[in-house]
Amino acid sequence: MRYATAILLVATAGGARSEVIDRIVATVGRQVITESGIRKQTRITQFLNDADVDPGPAELRKTTDRLVEQELLRQEMTASRFPMPGLVEAQRALEKLKAESFKSAEEYQSALTRYGIREEELKDALLWQIAILRFCEFRFSADLLVSSRDVEDYYNKKFRDDQAPKLDAVRQSIEKILISERANQSLDQWLKEARVKTRVEIRQESFR
């Protein structure tokens, strides 16, 4: 591929010596995704999930695929001038995370150190998470409707025993489930089409 010849990004010191500072793993249009960006995002995801800190190639590949999809969404959000949430919302999300996941400030700071991430990186990730969720809701679920027949069909398949709740008691929950499923289907279809329209290249050997 065209970008494969420039896998290594180098910085020249005094014009005499160069050293590797990063490696391009994927491209989405003109935007590059680097190895350091993939590893950072993996660490943040593991931090949020309280998971292992030494991911293998398979996990790094999953992160790469997620970053490709996020970049496609980012480009669409930019093109449509979708408003980004404010920093106040990111701070609010961060404080909620601290309160729900950590017993003390010391435990929180220790976790940041363990996963090798900075608080500003975490806050940026939370801000981006809020933005994507809002955009996907706006773009793929805002106008979705489900009929009474859809709800009844789902209810009849899901609840078959005598202990099942009444339909009216779970109607709103079923509607939300169906809308979420259809929104995810719309998103998946959009991503497939976006990959066709946008040149996406991933260097497979990076995950061996």
N, C-alpha and C. Protein backbone atom coordinates (compact mmCIF):
# COMPACT_ATOMS: atom_id res chain seq x y z
N MET A 1 0.84 -1.19 0.00
CA MET A 1 0.00 0.00 0.00
C MET A 1 0.88 1.24 0.00
N ARG A 2 0.31 2.37 -0.37
CA ARG A 2 1.10 3.59 -0.52
C ARG A 2 1.77 4.00 0.78
N TYR A 3 1.02 3.88 1.89
CA TYR A 3 1.58 4.33 3.16
C TYR A 3 2.52 3.31 3.79
N ALA A 4 2.53 2.09 3.24
CA ALA A 4 3.38 1.05 3.83
C ALA A 4 4.85 1.37 3.71
N THR A 5 5.19 2.19 2.74
CA THR A 5 6.59 2.55 2.57
C THR A 5 7.03 3.56 3.62
N ALA A 6 6.09 4.08 4.37
CA ALA A 6 6.42 5.05 5.42
C ALA A 6 5.93 4.55 6.76
N ILE A 7 6.22 3.28 7.04
CA ILE A 7 5.74 2.68 8.28
C ILE A 7 6.37 3.35 9.50
N LEU A 8 7.59 3.77 9.38
CA LEU A 8 8.27 4.36 10.52
C LEU A 8 8.30 5.87 10.41
N LEU A 9 7.87 6.53 11.47
CA LEU A 9 8.00 7.97 11.57
C LEU A 9 9.31 8.27 12.27
N VAL A 10 10.13 9.14 11.73
CA VAL A 10 11.43 9.40 12.33
C VAL A 10 11.59 10.88 12.63
N ALA A 11 12.40 11.13 13.62
CA ALA A 11 12.74 12.51 13.98
C ALA A 11 14.24 12.67 13.84
N THR A 12 14.68 13.66 13.11
CA THR A 12 16.10 13.87 12.88
C THR A 12 16.67 14.84 13.91
N ALA A 13 17.72 14.42 14.56
CA ALA A 13 18.36 15.25 15.57
C ALA A 13 19.61 15.88 14.96
N GLY A 14 19.58 17.20 14.77
CA GLY A 14 20.73 17.91 14.25
C GLY A 14 21.09 17.51 12.84
N GLY A 15 20.17 16.84 12.13
CA GLY A 15 20.41 16.45 10.75
C GLY A 15 21.38 15.30 10.61
N ALA A 16 21.85 14.74 11.73
CA ALA A 16 22.87 13.70 11.64
C ALA A 16 22.34 12.32 11.96
N ARG A 17 21.37 12.22 12.89
CA ARG A 17 20.94 10.90 13.37
C ARG A 17 19.43 10.88 13.45
N SER A 18 18.81 9.77 13.14
CA SER A 18 17.36 9.64 13.24
C SER A 18 17.01 8.49 14.17
N GLU A 19 15.84 8.59 14.83
CA GLU A 19 15.40 7.53 15.72
C GLU A 19 13.91 7.33 15.56
N VAL A 20 13.47 6.08 15.72
CA VAL A 20 12.06 5.75 15.56
C VAL A 20 11.27 6.31 16.74
N ILE A 21 10.18 7.05 16.45
CA ILE A 21 9.34 7.55 17.51
C ILE A 21 7.95 6.94 17.48
N ASP A 22 7.54 6.37 16.35
CA ASP A 22 6.23 5.75 16.27
C ASP A 22 6.13 4.97 14.98
N ARG A 23 5.07 4.17 14.88
CA ARG A 23 4.87 3.38 13.69
C ARG A 23 3.42 3.48 13.24
N ILE A 24 3.20 3.68 11.96
CA ILE A 24 1.85 3.75 11.42
C ILE A 24 1.33 2.33 11.26
N VAL A 25 0.17 2.05 11.84
CA VAL A 25 -0.44 0.74 11.77
C VAL A 25 -1.62 0.73 10.80
N ALA A 26 -2.34 1.86 10.71
CA ALA A 26 -3.50 1.92 9.84
C ALA A 26 -3.70 3.35 9.34
N THR A 27 -4.42 3.47 8.22
CA THR A 27 -4.80 4.78 7.70
C THR A 27 -6.28 4.76 7.39
N VAL A 28 -6.92 5.89 7.68
CA VAL A 28 -8.34 6.09 7.37
C VAL A 28 -8.42 7.38 6.56
N GLY A 29 -8.52 7.24 5.24
CA GLY A 29 -8.37 8.41 4.41
C GLY A 29 -6.96 8.94 4.56
N ARG A 30 -6.83 10.20 4.95
CA ARG A 30 -5.52 10.80 5.18
C ARG A 30 -5.09 10.76 6.64
N GLN A 31 -5.95 10.24 7.49
CA GLN A 31 -5.65 10.19 8.92
C GLN A 31 -4.92 8.89 9.25
N VAL A 32 -3.84 8.99 10.02
CA VAL A 32 -3.08 7.79 10.39
C VAL A 32 -3.43 7.37 11.82
N ILE A 33 -3.31 6.08 12.05
CA ILE A 33 -3.46 5.51 13.40
C ILE A 33 -2.13 4.85 13.73
N THR A 34 -1.52 5.30 14.80
CA THR A 34 -0.17 4.84 15.14
C THR A 34 -0.20 3.76 16.22
N GLU A 35 0.91 3.06 16.31
CA GLU A 35 1.04 2.02 17.33
C GLU A 35 0.90 2.60 18.73
N SER A 36 1.51 3.75 18.97
CA SER A 36 1.42 4.34 20.31
C SER A 36 -0.02 4.73 20.64
N GLY A 37 -0.76 5.22 19.63
CA GLY A 37 -2.16 5.57 19.86
C GLY A 37 -3.00 4.35 20.16
N ILE A 38 -2.71 3.24 19.48
CA ILE A 38 -3.44 2.00 19.72
C ILE A 38 -3.16 1.48 21.13
N ARG A 39 -1.90 1.51 21.51
CA ARG A 39 -1.55 1.01 22.85
C ARG A 39 -2.13 1.90 23.95
N LYS A 40 -2.13 3.20 23.72
CA LYS A 40 -2.71 4.11 24.71
C LYS A 40 -4.20 3.85 24.87
N GLN A 41 -4.91 3.72 23.73
CA GLN A 41 -6.34 3.48 23.79
C GLN A 41 -6.65 2.13 24.44
N THR A 42 -5.80 1.14 24.18
CA THR A 42 -5.98 -0.17 24.81
C THR A 42 -5.83 -0.07 26.32
N ARG A 43 -4.83 0.69 26.77
CA ARG A 43 -4.63 0.85 28.22
C ARG A 43 -5.81 1.57 28.86
N ILE A 44 -6.35 2.57 28.18
CA ILE A 44 -7.51 3.29 28.71
C ILE A 44 -8.71 2.37 28.80
N THR A 45 -8.93 1.58 27.76
CA THR A 45 -10.06 0.64 27.77
C THR A 45 -9.90 -0.37 28.89
N GLN A 46 -8.70 -0.86 29.08
CA GLN A 46 -8.46 -1.82 30.16
C GLN A 46 -8.61 -1.17 31.52
N PHE A 47 -8.19 0.09 31.63
CA PHE A 47 -8.39 0.83 32.88
C PHE A 47 -9.87 0.90 33.21
N LEU A 48 -10.69 1.26 32.22
CA LEU A 48 -12.13 1.40 32.45
C LEU A 48 -12.78 0.07 32.76
N ASN A 49 -12.22 -1.02 32.23
CA ASN A 49 -12.78 -2.36 32.45
C ASN A 49 -12.08 -3.13 33.55
N ASP A 50 -11.07 -2.50 34.18
CA ASP A 50 -10.28 -3.16 35.22
C ASP A 50 -9.74 -4.50 34.71
N ALA A 51 -9.11 -4.44 33.54
CA ALA A 51 -8.63 -5.66 32.88
C ALA A 51 -7.11 -5.73 32.92
N ASP A 52 -6.55 -6.74 32.25
CA ASP A 52 -5.10 -6.94 32.23
C ASP A 52 -4.40 -5.74 31.59
N VAL A 53 -3.14 -5.54 31.94
CA VAL A 53 -2.39 -4.39 31.44
C VAL A 53 -1.38 -4.77 30.35
N ASP A 54 -1.31 -6.04 29.99
CA ASP A 54 -0.34 -6.48 28.97
C ASP A 54 -1.09 -7.19 27.84
N PRO A 55 -1.76 -6.43 26.96
CA PRO A 55 -2.57 -7.04 25.91
C PRO A 55 -1.72 -7.69 24.83
N GLY A 56 -2.25 -8.75 24.25
CA GLY A 56 -1.57 -9.40 23.15
C GLY A 56 -2.02 -8.85 21.81
N PRO A 57 -1.52 -9.43 20.72
CA PRO A 57 -1.84 -8.95 19.37
C PRO A 57 -3.34 -8.93 19.08
N ALA A 58 -4.08 -9.92 19.56
CA ALA A 58 -5.52 -9.97 19.27
C ALA A 58 -6.25 -8.77 19.86
N GLU A 59 -5.88 -8.41 21.08
CA GLU A 59 -6.52 -7.27 21.73
C GLU A 59 -6.14 -5.96 21.04
N LEU A 60 -4.89 -5.86 20.63
CA LEU A 60 -4.44 -4.66 19.91
C LEU A 60 -5.16 -4.54 18.57
N ARG A 61 -5.45 -5.66 17.92
CA ARG A 61 -6.18 -5.62 16.66
C ARG A 61 -7.62 -5.14 16.89
N LYS A 62 -8.24 -5.60 17.98
CA LYS A 62 -9.59 -5.15 18.30
C LYS A 62 -9.61 -3.64 18.52
N THR A 63 -8.60 -3.14 19.22
CA THR A 63 -8.52 -1.71 19.46
C THR A 63 -8.35 -0.96 18.14
N THR A 64 -7.53 -1.50 17.26
CA THR A 64 -7.33 -0.86 15.95
C THR A 64 -8.64 -0.76 15.19
N ASP A 65 -9.41 -1.84 15.18
CA ASP A 65 -10.70 -1.83 14.49
C ASP A 65 -11.63 -0.78 15.10
N ARG A 66 -11.61 -0.67 16.43
CA ARG A 66 -12.46 0.34 17.09
C ARG A 66 -12.02 1.74 16.71
N LEU A 67 -10.70 1.97 16.66
CA LEU A 67 -10.20 3.29 16.30
C LEU A 67 -10.52 3.64 14.85
N VAL A 68 -10.50 2.66 13.98
CA VAL A 68 -10.88 2.90 12.59
C VAL A 68 -12.34 3.35 12.54
N GLU A 69 -13.21 2.63 13.24
CA GLU A 69 -14.62 2.99 13.25
C GLU A 69 -14.83 4.38 13.87
N GLN A 70 -14.09 4.67 14.94
CA GLN A 70 -14.22 5.97 15.58
C GLN A 70 -13.75 7.09 14.65
N GLU A 71 -12.72 6.82 13.88
CA GLU A 71 -12.23 7.84 12.95
C GLU A 71 -13.25 8.09 11.84
N LEU A 72 -13.89 7.04 11.36
CA LEU A 72 -14.94 7.21 10.36
C LEU A 72 -16.09 8.06 10.93
N LEU A 73 -16.43 7.80 12.18
CA LEU A 73 -17.48 8.59 12.83
C LEU A 73 -17.03 10.02 13.05
N ARG A 74 -15.76 10.19 13.45
CA ARG A 74 -15.25 11.54 13.68
C ARG A 74 -15.31 12.37 12.40
N GLN A 75 -14.92 11.76 11.28
CA GLN A 75 -14.96 12.48 10.02
C GLN A 75 -16.39 12.86 9.64
N GLU A 76 -17.33 11.97 9.92
CA GLU A 76 -18.73 12.28 9.64
C GLU A 76 -19.25 13.38 10.57
N MET A 77 -18.85 13.33 11.83
CA MET A 77 -19.25 14.36 12.78
C MET A 77 -18.70 15.72 12.37
N THR A 78 -17.46 15.74 11.90
CA THR A 78 -16.85 16.98 11.45
C THR A 78 -17.57 17.53 10.22
N ALA A 79 -17.86 16.63 9.28
CA ALA A 79 -18.52 17.05 8.04
C ALA A 79 -19.91 17.61 8.31
N SER A 80 -20.60 17.02 9.28
CA SER A 80 -21.96 17.47 9.60
C SER A 80 -21.99 18.55 10.67
N ARG A 81 -20.80 18.96 11.14
CA ARG A 81 -20.69 20.00 12.17
C ARG A 81 -21.47 19.66 13.44
N PHE A 82 -21.38 18.40 13.81
CA PHE A 82 -22.07 17.96 15.02
C PHE A 82 -21.36 18.56 16.24
N PRO A 83 -22.11 19.20 17.15
CA PRO A 83 -21.47 19.88 18.28
C PRO A 83 -20.85 18.91 19.29
N MET A 84 -19.65 19.21 19.70
CA MET A 84 -18.97 18.41 20.71
C MET A 84 -19.45 18.81 22.11
N PRO A 85 -19.49 17.85 23.04
CA PRO A 85 -19.84 18.19 24.42
C PRO A 85 -18.75 19.06 25.04
N GLY A 86 -19.09 19.75 26.10
CA GLY A 86 -18.14 20.63 26.75
C GLY A 86 -17.23 19.91 27.73
N LEU A 87 -16.15 20.57 28.09
CA LEU A 87 -15.21 19.98 29.03
C LEU A 87 -15.83 19.74 30.40
N VAL A 88 -16.83 20.54 30.73
CA VAL A 88 -17.52 20.36 32.01
C VAL A 88 -18.16 18.98 32.09
N GLU A 89 -18.69 18.52 30.97
CA GLU A 89 -19.32 17.20 30.94
C GLU A 89 -18.29 16.10 31.10
N ALA A 90 -17.13 16.30 30.52
CA ALA A 90 -16.07 15.31 30.68
C ALA A 90 -15.61 15.24 32.13
N GLN A 91 -15.51 16.40 32.78
CA GLN A 91 -15.12 16.43 34.18
C GLN A 91 -16.17 15.76 35.05
N ARG A 92 -17.44 15.98 34.71
CA ARG A 92 -18.52 15.35 35.46
C ARG A 92 -18.47 13.83 35.31
N ALA A 93 -18.20 13.37 34.10
CA ALA A 93 -18.09 11.93 33.86
C ALA A 93 -16.90 11.34 34.62
N LEU A 94 -15.81 12.11 34.68
CA LEU A 94 -14.62 11.65 35.39
C LEU A 94 -14.90 11.52 36.88
N GLU A 95 -15.56 12.52 37.45
CA GLU A 95 -15.86 12.48 38.87
C GLU A 95 -16.81 11.32 39.20
N LYS A 96 -17.75 11.05 38.30
CA LYS A 96 -18.66 9.92 38.50
C LYS A 96 -17.89 8.60 38.47
N LEU A 97 -16.94 8.49 37.54
CA LEU A 97 -16.11 7.29 37.45
C LEU A 97 -15.32 7.08 38.73
N LYS A 98 -14.71 8.14 39.23
CA LYS A 98 -13.93 8.05 40.46
C LYS A 98 -14.79 7.57 41.63
N ALA A 99 -16.00 8.17 41.75
CA ALA A 99 -16.87 7.85 42.86
C ALA A 99 -17.38 6.41 42.82
N GLU A 100 -17.64 5.91 41.61
CA GLU A 100 -18.24 4.59 41.47
C GLU A 100 -17.21 3.46 41.43
N SER A 101 -15.98 3.76 41.04
CA SER A 101 -15.00 2.69 40.81
C SER A 101 -13.84 2.65 41.78
N PHE A 102 -13.64 3.72 42.56
CA PHE A 102 -12.48 3.77 43.44
C PHE A 102 -12.88 4.20 44.85
N LYS A 103 -12.22 3.60 45.82
CA LYS A 103 -12.53 3.88 47.21
C LYS A 103 -11.86 5.15 47.72
N SER A 104 -10.79 5.56 47.05
CA SER A 104 -10.05 6.75 47.51
C SER A 104 -9.30 7.36 46.35
N ALA A 105 -8.83 8.60 46.57
CA ALA A 105 -8.03 9.28 45.55
C ALA A 105 -6.71 8.54 45.34
N GLU A 106 -6.19 7.95 46.41
CA GLU A 106 -4.93 7.21 46.29
C GLU A 106 -5.09 5.97 45.41
N GLU A 107 -6.22 5.28 45.58
CA GLU A 107 -6.47 4.09 44.75
C GLU A 107 -6.61 4.48 43.28
N TYR A 108 -7.26 5.59 43.04
CA TYR A 108 -7.44 6.09 41.67
C TYR A 108 -6.09 6.44 41.04
N GLN A 109 -5.26 7.17 41.76
CA GLN A 109 -3.95 7.56 41.24
C GLN A 109 -3.07 6.33 41.02
N SER A 110 -3.19 5.36 41.91
CA SER A 110 -2.41 4.13 41.76
C SER A 110 -2.81 3.39 40.48
N ALA A 111 -4.11 3.39 40.18
CA ALA A 111 -4.59 2.72 38.97
C ALA A 111 -4.08 3.44 37.72
N LEU A 112 -4.09 4.76 37.74
CA LEU A 112 -3.55 5.52 36.60
C LEU A 112 -2.10 5.14 36.35
N THR A 113 -1.34 5.06 37.42
CA THR A 113 0.08 4.71 37.31
C THR A 113 0.25 3.28 36.79
N ARG A 114 -0.56 2.38 37.30
CA ARG A 114 -0.47 0.97 36.90
C ARG A 114 -0.73 0.80 35.40
N TYR A 115 -1.69 1.55 34.87
CA TYR A 115 -2.03 1.41 33.46
C TYR A 115 -1.24 2.37 32.57
N GLY A 116 -0.45 3.22 33.19
CA GLY A 116 0.41 4.11 32.41
C GLY A 116 -0.34 5.15 31.62
N ILE A 117 -1.39 5.73 32.22
CA ILE A 117 -2.14 6.79 31.55
C ILE A 117 -2.23 8.01 32.45
N ARG A 118 -2.41 9.17 31.81
CA ARG A 118 -2.57 10.42 32.55
C ARG A 118 -4.04 10.79 32.66
N GLU A 119 -4.37 11.56 33.66
CA GLU A 119 -5.77 11.93 33.87
C GLU A 119 -6.33 12.69 32.68
N GLU A 120 -5.53 13.55 32.06
CA GLU A 120 -6.00 14.30 30.90
C GLU A 120 -6.33 13.38 29.74
N GLU A 121 -5.55 12.30 29.58
CA GLU A 121 -5.84 11.33 28.53
C GLU A 121 -7.16 10.63 28.82
N LEU A 122 -7.39 10.29 30.08
CA LEU A 122 -8.63 9.65 30.47
C LEU A 122 -9.81 10.58 30.25
N LYS A 123 -9.64 11.84 30.62
CA LYS A 123 -10.72 12.82 30.44
C LYS A 123 -11.04 13.01 28.97
N ASP A 124 -10.02 13.05 28.12
CA ASP A 124 -10.24 13.17 26.68
C ASP A 124 -11.02 11.97 26.15
N ALA A 125 -10.69 10.78 26.65
CA ALA A 125 -11.38 9.58 26.21
C ALA A 125 -12.85 9.60 26.62
N LEU A 126 -13.12 10.08 27.83
CA LEU A 126 -14.50 10.18 28.30
C LEU A 126 -15.28 11.21 27.49
N LEU A 127 -14.62 12.32 27.15
CA LEU A 127 -15.27 13.35 26.33
C LEU A 127 -15.63 12.79 24.97
N TRP A 128 -14.72 12.04 24.37
CA TRP A 128 -14.96 11.45 23.06
C TRP A 128 -16.06 10.40 23.13
N GLN A 129 -16.08 9.65 24.23
CA GLN A 129 -17.12 8.64 24.43
C GLN A 129 -18.50 9.28 24.47
N ILE A 130 -18.61 10.38 25.18
CA ILE A 130 -19.89 11.11 25.26
C ILE A 130 -20.30 11.58 23.88
N ALA A 131 -19.34 12.13 23.13
CA ALA A 131 -19.62 12.67 21.80
C ALA A 131 -20.13 11.58 20.86
N ILE A 132 -19.46 10.43 20.86
CA ILE A 132 -19.86 9.34 19.96
C ILE A 132 -21.25 8.82 20.31
N LEU A 133 -21.52 8.63 21.59
CA LEU A 133 -22.83 8.14 22.01
C LEU A 133 -23.93 9.09 21.58
N ARG A 134 -23.69 10.38 21.73
CA ARG A 134 -24.70 11.36 21.34
C ARG A 134 -24.90 11.39 19.84
N PHE A 135 -23.79 11.32 19.11
CA PHE A 135 -23.91 11.34 17.66
C PHE A 135 -24.65 10.12 17.15
N CYS A 136 -24.31 8.94 17.68
CA CYS A 136 -24.98 7.71 17.24
C CYS A 136 -26.46 7.74 17.59
N GLU A 137 -26.79 8.27 18.73
CA GLU A 137 -28.20 8.39 19.10
C GLU A 137 -28.92 9.34 18.14
N PHE A 138 -28.27 10.46 17.84
CA PHE A 138 -28.86 11.44 16.93
C PHE A 138 -29.00 10.89 15.52
N ARG A 139 -27.97 10.22 15.05
CA ARG A 139 -27.93 9.79 13.65
C ARG A 139 -28.69 8.49 13.40
N PHE A 140 -28.65 7.56 14.35
CA PHE A 140 -29.15 6.22 14.06
C PHE A 140 -30.38 5.79 14.86
N SER A 141 -30.78 6.54 15.88
CA SER A 141 -31.94 6.09 16.65
C SER A 141 -33.00 7.15 16.91
N ALA A 142 -32.69 8.41 16.60
CA ALA A 142 -33.61 9.50 16.96
C ALA A 142 -34.98 9.33 16.30
N ASP A 143 -35.02 8.85 15.07
CA ASP A 143 -36.28 8.75 14.32
C ASP A 143 -36.84 7.34 14.26
N LEU A 144 -36.24 6.42 14.99
CA LEU A 144 -36.72 5.04 14.95
C LEU A 144 -37.99 4.87 15.77
N LEU A 145 -38.90 4.11 15.23
CA LEU A 145 -40.15 3.80 15.91
C LEU A 145 -40.39 2.30 15.85
N VAL A 146 -41.05 1.77 16.85
CA VAL A 146 -41.44 0.35 16.84
C VAL A 146 -42.95 0.27 17.00
N SER A 147 -43.54 -0.66 16.31
CA SER A 147 -44.99 -0.81 16.35
C SER A 147 -45.42 -1.69 17.51
N SER A 148 -46.70 -1.65 17.81
CA SER A 148 -47.24 -2.51 18.86
C SER A 148 -47.05 -3.97 18.50
N ARG A 149 -47.13 -4.28 17.22
CA ARG A 149 -46.94 -5.66 16.77
C ARG A 149 -45.50 -6.11 17.02
N ASP A 150 -44.54 -5.21 16.78
CA ASP A 150 -43.14 -5.54 17.05
C ASP A 150 -42.94 -5.87 18.53
N VAL A 151 -43.53 -5.05 19.38
CA VAL A 151 -43.40 -5.25 20.83
C VAL A 151 -44.04 -6.57 21.24
N GLU A 152 -45.21 -6.85 20.71
CA GLU A 152 -45.91 -8.09 21.06
C GLU A 152 -45.14 -9.31 20.58
N ASP A 153 -44.58 -9.23 19.39
CA ASP A 153 -43.80 -10.36 18.87
C ASP A 153 -42.58 -10.63 19.75
N TYR A 154 -41.89 -9.57 20.15
CA TYR A 154 -40.73 -9.72 21.02
C TYR A 154 -41.14 -10.31 22.36
N TYR A 155 -42.24 -9.82 22.89
CA TYR A 155 -42.74 -10.29 24.19
C TYR A 155 -43.08 -11.78 24.12
N ASN A 156 -43.75 -12.18 23.06
CA ASN A 156 -44.16 -13.58 22.93
C ASN A 156 -42.97 -14.51 22.78
N LYS A 157 -41.89 -14.04 22.17
CA LYS A 157 -40.69 -14.87 22.02
C LYS A 157 -39.87 -14.92 23.31
N LYS A 158 -39.85 -13.78 24.01
CA LYS A 158 -39.00 -13.66 25.20
C LYS A 158 -39.64 -14.28 26.45
N PHE A 159 -40.92 -14.06 26.61
CA PHE A 159 -41.60 -14.50 27.82
C PHE A 159 -42.60 -15.61 27.47
N ARG A 160 -42.27 -16.83 27.93
CA ARG A 160 -43.10 -17.97 27.56
C ARG A 160 -43.68 -18.71 28.76
N ASP A 161 -43.25 -18.39 29.98
CA ASP A 161 -43.72 -19.15 31.13
C ASP A 161 -44.82 -18.40 31.89
N ASP A 162 -45.37 -19.07 32.87
CA ASP A 162 -46.48 -18.50 33.65
C ASP A 162 -46.06 -17.35 34.55
N GLN A 163 -44.75 -17.25 34.83
CA GLN A 163 -44.25 -16.21 35.71
C GLN A 163 -43.90 -14.93 34.96
N ALA A 164 -44.19 -14.88 33.69
CA ALA A 164 -43.83 -13.72 32.88
C ALA A 164 -44.60 -12.48 33.33
N PRO A 165 -43.95 -11.30 33.29
CA PRO A 165 -44.66 -10.07 33.65
C PRO A 165 -45.71 -9.72 32.60
N LYS A 166 -46.63 -8.88 32.97
CA LYS A 166 -47.64 -8.42 32.02
C LYS A 166 -46.97 -7.58 30.93
N LEU A 167 -47.54 -7.63 29.75
CA LEU A 167 -46.97 -6.91 28.62
C LEU A 167 -46.84 -5.42 28.90
N ASP A 168 -47.85 -4.82 29.46
CA ASP A 168 -47.82 -3.38 29.72
C ASP A 168 -46.72 -3.00 30.70
N ALA A 169 -46.34 -3.93 31.57
CA ALA A 169 -45.30 -3.64 32.57
C ALA A 169 -43.91 -3.57 31.95
N VAL A 170 -43.74 -4.23 30.81
CA VAL A 170 -42.40 -4.26 30.18
C VAL A 170 -42.41 -3.63 28.79
N ARG A 171 -43.50 -3.02 28.40
CA ARG A 171 -43.62 -2.47 27.05
C ARG A 171 -42.52 -1.45 26.75
N GLN A 172 -42.31 -0.49 27.66
CA GLN A 172 -41.30 0.54 27.41
C GLN A 172 -39.90 -0.04 27.33
N SER A 173 -39.62 -1.02 28.18
CA SER A 173 -38.31 -1.66 28.15
C SER A 173 -38.08 -2.38 26.82
N ILE A 174 -39.11 -3.04 26.34
CA ILE A 174 -39.00 -3.75 25.06
C ILE A 174 -38.80 -2.76 23.92
N GLU A 175 -39.52 -1.65 23.95
CA GLU A 175 -39.36 -0.63 22.92
C GLU A 175 -37.93 -0.12 22.87
N LYS A 176 -37.33 0.11 24.04
CA LYS A 176 -35.94 0.59 24.09
C LYS A 176 -34.98 -0.46 23.54
N ILE A 177 -35.24 -1.72 23.86
CA ILE A 177 -34.38 -2.80 23.36
C ILE A 177 -34.45 -2.88 21.84
N LEU A 178 -35.65 -2.81 21.30
CA LEU A 178 -35.82 -2.92 19.86
C LEU A 178 -35.20 -1.72 19.13
N ILE A 179 -35.38 -0.54 19.70
CA ILE A 179 -34.77 0.65 19.09
C ILE A 179 -33.25 0.54 19.11
N SER A 180 -32.71 0.06 20.23
CA SER A 180 -31.26 -0.09 20.35
C SER A 180 -30.75 -1.11 19.33
N GLU A 181 -31.45 -2.23 19.18
CA GLU A 181 -31.03 -3.24 18.22
C GLU A 181 -31.03 -2.70 16.80
N ARG A 182 -32.08 -1.96 16.45
CA ARG A 182 -32.19 -1.42 15.09
C ARG A 182 -31.17 -0.31 14.87
N ALA A 183 -30.89 0.47 15.90
CA ALA A 183 -29.88 1.51 15.78
C ALA A 183 -28.50 0.89 15.55
N ASN A 184 -28.21 -0.20 16.26
CA ASN A 184 -26.93 -0.89 16.07
C ASN A 184 -26.82 -1.48 14.66
N GLN A 185 -27.92 -1.99 14.15
CA GLN A 185 -27.92 -2.52 12.79
C GLN A 185 -27.66 -1.40 11.78
N SER A 186 -28.29 -0.24 12.02
CA SER A 186 -28.08 0.91 11.12
C SER A 186 -26.64 1.40 11.19
N LEU A 187 -26.09 1.42 12.40
CA LEU A 187 -24.70 1.83 12.57
C LEU A 187 -23.75 0.88 11.86
N ASP A 188 -23.97 -0.43 12.02
CA ASP A 188 -23.11 -1.42 11.37
C ASP A 188 -23.16 -1.26 9.85
N GLN A 189 -24.35 -1.04 9.32
CA GLN A 189 -24.49 -0.86 7.88
C GLN A 189 -23.79 0.41 7.41
N TRP A 190 -23.93 1.47 8.20
CA TRP A 190 -23.28 2.73 7.85
C TRP A 190 -21.76 2.57 7.84
N LEU A 191 -21.23 1.86 8.84
CA LEU A 191 -19.78 1.66 8.92
C LEU A 191 -19.28 0.86 7.72
N LYS A 192 -20.03 -0.15 7.31
CA LYS A 192 -19.64 -0.93 6.13
C LYS A 192 -19.58 -0.04 4.89
N GLU A 193 -20.59 0.81 4.73
CA GLU A 193 -20.62 1.71 3.57
C GLU A 193 -19.52 2.75 3.66
N ALA A 194 -19.25 3.24 4.87
CA ALA A 194 -18.20 4.25 5.05
C ALA A 194 -16.83 3.68 4.73
N ARG A 195 -16.61 2.40 5.06
CA ARG A 195 -15.33 1.76 4.75
C ARG A 195 -15.13 1.64 3.24
N VAL A 196 -16.23 1.49 2.51
CA VAL A 196 -16.13 1.42 1.05
C VAL A 196 -15.80 2.80 0.47
N LYS A 197 -16.42 3.84 1.01
CA LYS A 197 -16.24 5.19 0.50
C LYS A 197 -14.90 5.80 0.91
N THR A 198 -14.39 5.37 2.06
CA THR A 198 -13.14 5.92 2.59
C THR A 198 -12.04 4.87 2.50
N ARG A 199 -10.88 5.28 2.05
CA ARG A 199 -9.77 4.34 1.94
C ARG A 199 -9.26 3.96 3.33
N VAL A 200 -9.50 2.71 3.72
CA VAL A 200 -9.07 2.21 5.02
C VAL A 200 -8.05 1.10 4.79
N GLU A 201 -6.88 1.26 5.37
CA GLU A 201 -5.83 0.26 5.21
C GLU A 201 -5.23 -0.07 6.58
N ILE A 202 -5.11 -1.36 6.85
CA ILE A 202 -4.55 -1.83 8.12
C ILE A 202 -3.37 -2.76 7.82
N ARG A 203 -2.26 -2.50 8.43
CA ARG A 203 -1.05 -3.32 8.21
C ARG A 203 -1.12 -4.56 9.12
N GLN A 204 -1.54 -5.66 8.54
CA GLN A 204 -1.80 -6.88 9.30
C GLN A 204 -0.56 -7.39 10.05
N GLU A 205 0.60 -7.19 9.47
CA GLU A 205 1.81 -7.72 10.11
C GLU A 205 2.12 -7.03 11.44
N SER A 206 1.45 -5.94 11.72
CA SER A 206 1.67 -5.26 12.99
C SER A 206 1.15 -6.06 14.18
N PHE A 207 0.33 -7.08 13.91
CA PHE A 207 -0.29 -7.83 15.01
C PHE A 207 0.25 -9.24 15.13
N ARG A 208 1.36 -9.52 14.49
CA ARG A 208 1.95 -10.86 14.59
C ARG A 208 2.87 -10.97 15.80
